N, C-alpha and C. Protein backbone atom coordinates (compact mmCIF):
# COMPACT_ATOMS: atom_id res chain seq x y z
N UNK A 1 -23.14 14.69 -64.84
CA UNK A 1 -24.36 13.74 -64.79
C UNK A 1 -24.59 13.61 -63.37
N UNK A 2 -25.85 13.44 -62.91
CA UNK A 2 -26.21 12.90 -61.88
C UNK A 2 -26.64 11.64 -61.81
N UNK A 3 -26.44 10.84 -60.64
CA UNK A 3 -26.46 9.44 -60.65
C UNK A 3 -26.89 9.10 -59.09
N UNK A 4 -27.62 8.06 -58.91
CA UNK A 4 -27.75 7.18 -57.64
C UNK A 4 -27.12 5.97 -57.99
N UNK A 5 -26.12 5.73 -57.20
CA UNK A 5 -25.38 4.46 -57.35
C UNK A 5 -25.63 3.75 -55.93
N UNK A 6 -25.84 2.52 -56.13
CA UNK A 6 -26.21 1.48 -55.11
C UNK A 6 -24.92 0.79 -54.58
N UNK A 7 -24.22 1.11 -53.57
CA UNK A 7 -23.03 0.52 -53.09
C UNK A 7 -23.39 -0.87 -52.51
N UNK A 8 -24.27 -0.76 -51.74
CA UNK A 8 -24.83 -2.26 -51.29
C UNK A 8 -26.32 -1.90 -50.66
N UNK A 9 -27.09 -3.06 -50.35
CA UNK A 9 -28.44 -2.73 -49.91
C UNK A 9 -28.67 -1.86 -48.97
N UNK A 10 -27.57 -1.12 -48.20
CA UNK A 10 -28.21 -0.25 -47.08
C UNK A 10 -27.50 1.11 -47.49
N UNK A 11 -26.53 1.06 -48.49
CA UNK A 11 -25.93 2.43 -48.59
C UNK A 11 -26.02 2.72 -49.91
N UNK A 12 -26.39 3.85 -50.27
CA UNK A 12 -26.70 4.61 -51.89
C UNK A 12 -25.56 5.74 -51.82
N UNK A 13 -25.09 6.15 -52.89
CA UNK A 13 -24.42 7.10 -53.17
C UNK A 13 -24.82 8.26 -54.44
N UNK A 14 -25.04 9.48 -54.01
CA UNK A 14 -25.32 10.49 -55.14
C UNK A 14 -23.87 11.14 -55.75
N UNK A 15 -24.13 11.30 -56.95
CA UNK A 15 -22.84 11.90 -57.50
C UNK A 15 -23.50 13.15 -58.69
N UNK A 16 -22.46 14.10 -58.63
CA UNK A 16 -22.99 15.29 -59.60
C UNK A 16 -23.58 16.48 -58.83
N UNK A 17 -24.36 17.22 -59.28
CA UNK A 17 -24.92 18.37 -58.72
C UNK A 17 -26.35 18.00 -58.25
N UNK A 18 -26.42 18.61 -57.13
CA UNK A 18 -27.80 18.60 -56.37
C UNK A 18 -28.31 20.21 -56.38
N UNK A 19 -29.01 20.34 -57.55
CA UNK A 19 -29.26 21.76 -57.92
C UNK A 19 -30.69 22.07 -58.22
N UNK A 20 -31.22 23.12 -58.52
CA UNK A 20 -32.54 23.36 -58.90
C UNK A 20 -32.83 22.56 -60.21
N UNK A 21 -32.00 22.46 -61.21
CA UNK A 21 -32.11 21.78 -62.27
C UNK A 21 -32.02 20.23 -62.22
N UNK A 22 -31.42 19.93 -61.46
CA UNK A 22 -31.55 18.49 -61.10
C UNK A 22 -32.21 17.39 -59.97
N UNK A 23 -32.80 18.18 -58.81
CA UNK A 23 -33.24 17.69 -57.66
C UNK A 23 -34.53 16.99 -58.15
N UNK A 24 -35.41 17.53 -59.35
CA UNK A 24 -36.75 16.92 -59.38
C UNK A 24 -36.55 15.53 -60.10
N UNK A 25 -35.70 15.36 -60.81
CA UNK A 25 -35.45 14.11 -61.57
C UNK A 25 -35.09 13.13 -60.67
N UNK A 26 -33.82 13.53 -59.45
CA UNK A 26 -33.20 12.67 -58.68
C UNK A 26 -34.33 12.17 -57.69
N UNK A 27 -35.20 13.22 -57.09
CA UNK A 27 -36.21 12.62 -56.20
C UNK A 27 -37.05 11.61 -56.69
N UNK A 28 -37.74 11.80 -58.11
CA UNK A 28 -38.63 11.02 -58.65
C UNK A 28 -37.59 9.54 -58.66
N UNK A 29 -36.69 9.53 -59.23
CA UNK A 29 -35.74 8.23 -59.18
C UNK A 29 -35.50 7.52 -57.84
N UNK A 30 -35.01 8.40 -57.07
CA UNK A 30 -34.76 7.91 -55.59
C UNK A 30 -36.06 7.29 -55.02
N UNK A 31 -37.26 8.13 -55.03
CA UNK A 31 -38.58 7.45 -54.39
C UNK A 31 -38.91 6.10 -55.26
N UNK A 32 -38.86 6.03 -56.53
CA UNK A 32 -39.08 4.75 -57.35
C UNK A 32 -38.16 3.66 -56.64
N UNK A 33 -36.96 4.05 -56.76
CA UNK A 33 -35.98 2.95 -56.15
C UNK A 33 -36.05 2.50 -54.79
N UNK A 34 -36.39 3.49 -53.90
CA UNK A 34 -36.60 3.20 -52.51
C UNK A 34 -37.73 2.62 -52.16
N UNK A 35 -38.85 2.68 -52.97
CA UNK A 35 -39.95 1.98 -52.68
C UNK A 35 -39.75 0.30 -52.63
N UNK A 36 -38.95 -0.15 -53.33
CA UNK A 36 -38.41 -1.72 -53.08
C UNK A 36 -37.69 -1.83 -51.93
N UNK A 37 -36.70 -1.03 -51.83
CA UNK A 37 -35.65 -1.29 -50.70
C UNK A 37 -34.96 0.00 -50.27
N UNK A 38 -35.38 0.79 -49.45
CA UNK A 38 -34.97 2.14 -49.08
C UNK A 38 -33.63 1.90 -48.37
N UNK A 39 -32.66 2.72 -48.63
CA UNK A 39 -31.30 2.73 -48.14
C UNK A 39 -31.44 3.16 -46.66
N UNK A 40 -30.34 2.90 -45.89
CA UNK A 40 -30.20 3.35 -44.72
C UNK A 40 -29.28 4.41 -44.42
N UNK A 41 -28.28 4.41 -45.39
CA UNK A 41 -27.42 5.49 -45.46
C UNK A 41 -27.23 6.07 -46.98
N UNK A 42 -26.94 7.42 -47.05
CA UNK A 42 -26.83 8.07 -48.35
C UNK A 42 -25.51 8.67 -48.13
N UNK A 43 -24.71 8.48 -49.08
CA UNK A 43 -23.16 8.94 -49.26
C UNK A 43 -23.22 10.14 -50.36
N UNK A 44 -22.77 11.29 -49.87
CA UNK A 44 -23.00 12.36 -50.73
C UNK A 44 -21.43 13.00 -51.00
N UNK A 45 -20.36 11.92 -50.84
CA UNK A 45 -18.95 12.41 -51.07
C UNK A 45 -18.68 12.76 -52.66
N UNK A 46 -19.35 12.13 -53.53
CA UNK A 46 -19.38 12.55 -54.99
C UNK A 46 -20.04 13.63 -55.50
N UNK A 47 -20.93 14.35 -54.45
CA UNK A 47 -21.52 15.64 -54.89
C UNK A 47 -20.97 16.80 -55.38
N UNK A 48 -20.80 17.36 -56.53
CA UNK A 48 -19.83 18.34 -56.73
C UNK A 48 -20.36 19.83 -56.52
N UNK A 49 -21.48 19.93 -56.56
CA UNK A 49 -21.99 21.42 -56.18
C UNK A 49 -23.56 21.26 -55.68
N UNK A 50 -24.06 22.13 -54.81
CA UNK A 50 -25.19 22.05 -54.12
C UNK A 50 -25.81 23.42 -53.96
N UNK A 51 -27.23 23.70 -54.06
CA UNK A 51 -27.79 24.97 -53.70
C UNK A 51 -28.94 24.50 -53.05
N UNK A 52 -30.08 25.67 -52.62
CA UNK A 52 -30.96 25.46 -51.70
C UNK A 52 -31.96 24.15 -52.06
N UNK A 53 -32.10 23.86 -53.66
CA UNK A 53 -32.82 23.08 -53.90
C UNK A 53 -32.19 21.32 -53.22
N UNK A 54 -30.81 21.38 -53.57
CA UNK A 54 -30.09 20.29 -52.92
C UNK A 54 -30.41 20.11 -51.29
N UNK A 55 -30.31 21.11 -50.68
CA UNK A 55 -30.93 21.03 -49.27
C UNK A 55 -32.39 20.80 -49.27
N UNK A 56 -33.25 21.17 -50.03
CA UNK A 56 -34.41 20.76 -49.83
C UNK A 56 -34.83 19.20 -50.19
N UNK A 57 -33.85 18.96 -51.16
CA UNK A 57 -34.06 17.58 -51.26
C UNK A 57 -33.68 16.58 -50.11
N UNK A 58 -32.73 16.79 -49.58
CA UNK A 58 -32.20 16.19 -48.29
C UNK A 58 -33.30 16.20 -47.21
N UNK A 59 -33.82 17.40 -47.00
CA UNK A 59 -34.91 17.50 -45.94
C UNK A 59 -36.04 16.77 -46.31
N UNK A 60 -36.32 16.77 -47.54
CA UNK A 60 -37.61 15.71 -48.09
C UNK A 60 -37.26 14.28 -47.76
N UNK A 61 -35.95 14.07 -48.04
CA UNK A 61 -35.55 12.68 -47.75
C UNK A 61 -35.54 12.14 -46.39
N UNK A 62 -35.33 13.19 -45.59
CA UNK A 62 -35.31 13.06 -44.02
C UNK A 62 -36.96 12.96 -43.57
N UNK A 63 -37.39 13.68 -44.15
CA UNK A 63 -39.08 13.53 -43.96
C UNK A 63 -39.76 11.96 -44.44
N UNK A 64 -39.03 11.58 -45.13
CA UNK A 64 -39.74 10.09 -45.68
C UNK A 64 -39.03 9.02 -44.58
N UNK A 65 -37.81 9.18 -44.35
CA UNK A 65 -37.05 8.18 -43.54
C UNK A 65 -36.39 8.99 -42.45
N UNK A 66 -37.03 9.32 -41.26
CA UNK A 66 -35.97 9.79 -40.22
C UNK A 66 -34.64 9.01 -39.69
N UNK A 67 -34.74 7.93 -40.01
CA UNK A 67 -33.51 7.06 -39.46
C UNK A 67 -32.37 7.03 -40.50
N UNK A 68 -32.67 7.63 -41.81
CA UNK A 68 -31.68 7.55 -42.78
C UNK A 68 -30.36 8.47 -42.21
N UNK A 69 -29.22 8.07 -42.54
CA UNK A 69 -27.97 8.77 -42.26
C UNK A 69 -27.43 9.33 -43.49
N UNK A 70 -27.10 10.56 -43.38
CA UNK A 70 -26.34 11.26 -44.59
C UNK A 70 -24.72 11.09 -44.24
N UNK A 71 -23.99 10.83 -45.35
CA UNK A 71 -22.52 10.64 -45.02
C UNK A 71 -21.80 11.47 -45.72
N UNK A 72 -20.77 12.21 -45.40
CA UNK A 72 -19.96 13.16 -46.20
C UNK A 72 -20.70 14.18 -46.74
N UNK A 73 -21.58 15.28 -45.89
CA UNK A 73 -22.26 16.19 -46.54
C UNK A 73 -21.03 17.20 -46.92
N UNK A 74 -21.38 17.70 -48.11
CA UNK A 74 -20.60 18.95 -48.81
C UNK A 74 -20.61 20.25 -47.52
N UNK A 75 -19.53 20.68 -47.73
CA UNK A 75 -19.47 22.03 -46.81
C UNK A 75 -20.53 23.03 -47.35
N UNK A 76 -20.63 23.17 -48.45
CA UNK A 76 -21.78 24.13 -49.24
C UNK A 76 -22.77 24.00 -48.50
N UNK A 77 -23.19 22.70 -48.52
CA UNK A 77 -24.67 22.29 -47.99
C UNK A 77 -24.69 22.54 -46.58
N UNK A 78 -23.86 22.17 -45.71
CA UNK A 78 -23.63 22.41 -44.51
C UNK A 78 -24.01 23.87 -43.83
N UNK A 79 -23.13 24.73 -45.02
CA UNK A 79 -23.36 26.16 -44.68
C UNK A 79 -24.78 26.54 -45.05
N UNK A 80 -25.38 26.10 -45.89
CA UNK A 80 -26.78 26.34 -46.32
C UNK A 80 -27.85 26.16 -45.07
N UNK A 81 -27.50 24.74 -44.71
CA UNK A 81 -28.36 24.30 -43.61
C UNK A 81 -28.23 25.07 -42.29
N UNK A 82 -26.85 25.78 -41.93
CA UNK A 82 -26.72 26.37 -40.87
C UNK A 82 -27.37 27.69 -40.99
N UNK A 83 -27.15 28.30 -42.08
CA UNK A 83 -27.73 29.71 -42.25
C UNK A 83 -29.40 29.43 -42.19
N UNK A 84 -29.95 28.38 -42.66
CA UNK A 84 -31.35 28.21 -42.72
C UNK A 84 -31.92 27.58 -41.42
N UNK A 85 -31.13 27.36 -40.50
CA UNK A 85 -31.43 26.86 -39.25
C UNK A 85 -31.84 25.35 -39.08
N UNK A 86 -31.62 24.71 -40.03
CA UNK A 86 -31.98 22.85 -40.26
C UNK A 86 -30.71 22.25 -40.25
N UNK A 87 -29.69 22.94 -39.69
CA UNK A 87 -28.50 21.60 -39.76
C UNK A 87 -28.73 20.42 -38.77
N UNK A 88 -29.59 20.57 -37.85
CA UNK A 88 -29.65 19.57 -37.07
C UNK A 88 -30.60 18.36 -37.96
N UNK A 89 -31.51 18.73 -38.86
CA UNK A 89 -31.91 17.92 -39.56
C UNK A 89 -30.99 16.74 -40.29
N UNK A 90 -30.06 17.60 -40.98
CA UNK A 90 -28.96 16.87 -41.63
C UNK A 90 -28.07 15.97 -40.98
N UNK A 91 -27.60 16.61 -39.74
CA UNK A 91 -26.48 15.96 -38.89
C UNK A 91 -27.31 14.95 -37.92
N UNK A 92 -28.48 14.75 -38.01
CA UNK A 92 -28.95 13.82 -37.19
C UNK A 92 -28.53 12.51 -37.53
N UNK A 93 -28.33 11.51 -36.59
CA UNK A 93 -27.68 10.16 -37.23
C UNK A 93 -26.36 10.27 -37.95
N UNK A 94 -25.49 11.57 -37.93
CA UNK A 94 -24.47 11.79 -38.83
C UNK A 94 -23.32 10.85 -38.84
N UNK A 95 -22.75 10.47 -39.93
CA UNK A 95 -21.66 9.41 -40.10
C UNK A 95 -20.77 10.22 -40.84
N UNK A 96 -19.42 10.95 -40.35
CA UNK A 96 -18.55 11.49 -41.08
C UNK A 96 -19.44 12.47 -42.22
């Protein structure tokens, strides 16, 4: 099950899969919740699996807020980002 968990006002955590089957609903929920108070940091330590759609989700979130920090990026996602030539978009402002 995918979830967006609010650790505190500035940090949100994603859990579960970031895949083609899940990112549409996650983006919709994220956008609705972030309209009130967007996070400054997104923790991905509980992401279990990702694919190119998960990478596209993070690129979209970076486009919405360039100052957002991604924390604990999954190795699979970093590999996809490197192969796609977009690693700098994810690691900008990187925190572990």
